[in-house]
Amino acid sequence: MASVRIPSLMRDLTHGADVVQAPGRTVRQVFEALDAAYPGIRARLLEEGELRPDLAVAVDGETTVLGLLQPVGENSEVLILPAISGG
């Protein structure tokens, strides 16, 4: 199972846990597993079926280029990050 790092603003849904385990072969599948274990997290991650524009996801230290279709390995680390914008 992948290790998923949960941002502090979402930890109320994971009972305070900053890292949780979730199965899945893609980011989308991992997010679906997270929502099954922690109801309500999908609404904080997705908007109209896509990653919210104020979030970014990295798998094994690399920001995803494929978004929710990004492959996730059995021992991958998935990071959910607030998107950074410049100005």
Protein backbone atom coordinates (compact mmCIF):
# COMPACT_ATOMS: atom_id res chain seq x y z
CA MET A 1 0.00 0.00 0.00
CA ALA A 2 1.08 3.55 -0.69
CA SER A 3 1.86 5.94 2.13
CA VAL A 4 -0.15 9.13 1.77
CA ARG A 5 0.95 12.33 3.51
CA ILE A 6 -2.11 14.29 4.60
CA PRO A 7 -1.95 18.10 4.76
CA SER A 8 -2.71 19.62 8.15
CA LEU A 9 -6.00 21.15 6.95
CA MET A 10 -7.35 17.68 6.10
CA ARG A 11 -6.21 15.82 9.19
CA ASP A 12 -9.58 16.32 10.86
CA LEU A 13 -10.82 13.66 8.41
CA THR A 14 -8.00 11.21 9.24
CA HIS A 15 -8.42 11.52 13.01
CA GLY A 16 -5.25 13.58 13.19
CA ALA A 17 -3.02 11.17 11.26
CA ASP A 18 -0.43 12.87 9.05
CA VAL A 19 0.39 9.69 7.13
CA VAL A 20 -2.10 6.97 6.18
CA GLN A 21 -1.91 3.86 4.03
CA ALA A 22 -4.10 3.37 0.95
CA PRO A 23 -4.13 0.83 -1.87
CA GLY A 24 -4.32 1.78 -5.53
CA ARG A 25 -2.41 1.69 -8.78
CA THR A 26 -3.18 5.30 -9.73
CA VAL A 27 -3.62 8.52 -7.77
CA ARG A 28 -7.38 8.32 -8.50
CA GLN A 29 -7.60 4.80 -7.02
CA VAL A 30 -5.62 5.88 -3.96
CA PHE A 31 -8.00 8.84 -3.46
CA GLU A 32 -11.02 6.51 -3.81
CA ALA A 33 -9.54 4.21 -1.15
CA LEU A 34 -8.89 7.22 1.09
CA ASP A 35 -12.52 8.31 0.77
CA ALA A 36 -13.73 4.80 1.64
CA ALA A 37 -11.60 4.85 4.80
CA TYR A 38 -12.08 8.55 5.61
CA PRO A 39 -15.46 9.71 4.25
CA GLY A 40 -15.47 13.28 3.03
CA ILE A 41 -11.85 13.47 1.96
CA ARG A 42 -12.78 13.15 -1.74
CA ALA A 43 -14.73 16.43 -1.54
CA ARG A 44 -11.58 18.14 -0.27
CA LEU A 45 -9.38 16.60 -2.97
CA LEU A 46 -11.53 16.65 -6.08
CA GLU A 47 -13.75 19.16 -7.84
CA GLU A 48 -16.01 17.88 -10.63
CA GLY A 49 -13.98 14.66 -10.73
CA GLU A 50 -10.62 16.39 -11.14
CA LEU A 51 -7.93 17.44 -8.70
CA ARG A 52 -8.86 20.75 -7.09
CA PRO A 53 -6.92 23.64 -8.65
CA ASP A 54 -5.55 24.69 -5.25
CA LEU A 55 -3.86 21.29 -4.75
CA ALA A 56 -0.92 19.46 -6.25
CA VAL A 57 0.09 15.82 -5.90
CA ALA A 58 3.56 14.31 -5.92
CA VAL A 59 4.34 10.60 -6.19
CA ASP A 60 7.75 9.52 -4.92
CA GLY A 61 8.96 13.12 -4.88
CA GLU A 62 7.88 13.98 -8.43
CA THR A 63 4.96 16.30 -9.11
CA THR A 64 2.42 14.37 -11.15
CA VAL A 65 2.27 15.08 -14.85
CA LEU A 66 -0.64 12.73 -15.42
CA GLY A 67 -2.76 14.05 -12.56
CA LEU A 68 -5.17 11.43 -11.24
CA LEU A 69 -3.90 8.91 -13.80
CA GLN A 70 -0.36 9.01 -12.39
CA PRO A 71 0.78 5.46 -11.55
CA VAL A 72 1.39 4.63 -7.90
CA GLY A 73 3.65 1.76 -6.86
CA GLU A 74 3.08 -0.64 -3.99
CA ASN A 75 5.58 1.23 -1.79
CA SER A 76 5.10 4.73 -3.20
CA GLU A 77 4.78 7.87 -1.16
CA VAL A 78 1.96 10.19 -2.25
CA LEU A 79 2.08 13.78 -1.08
CA ILE A 80 -0.95 16.06 -1.20
CA LEU A 81 0.28 19.64 -1.36
CA PRO A 82 -1.28 23.08 -1.53
CA ALA A 83 -0.52 24.41 -5.03
CA ILE A 84 2.02 27.21 -5.09
CA SER A 85 1.36 30.17 -7.31
CA GLY A 86 3.58 33.09 -8.03
CA GLY A 87 2.69 36.68 -8.46
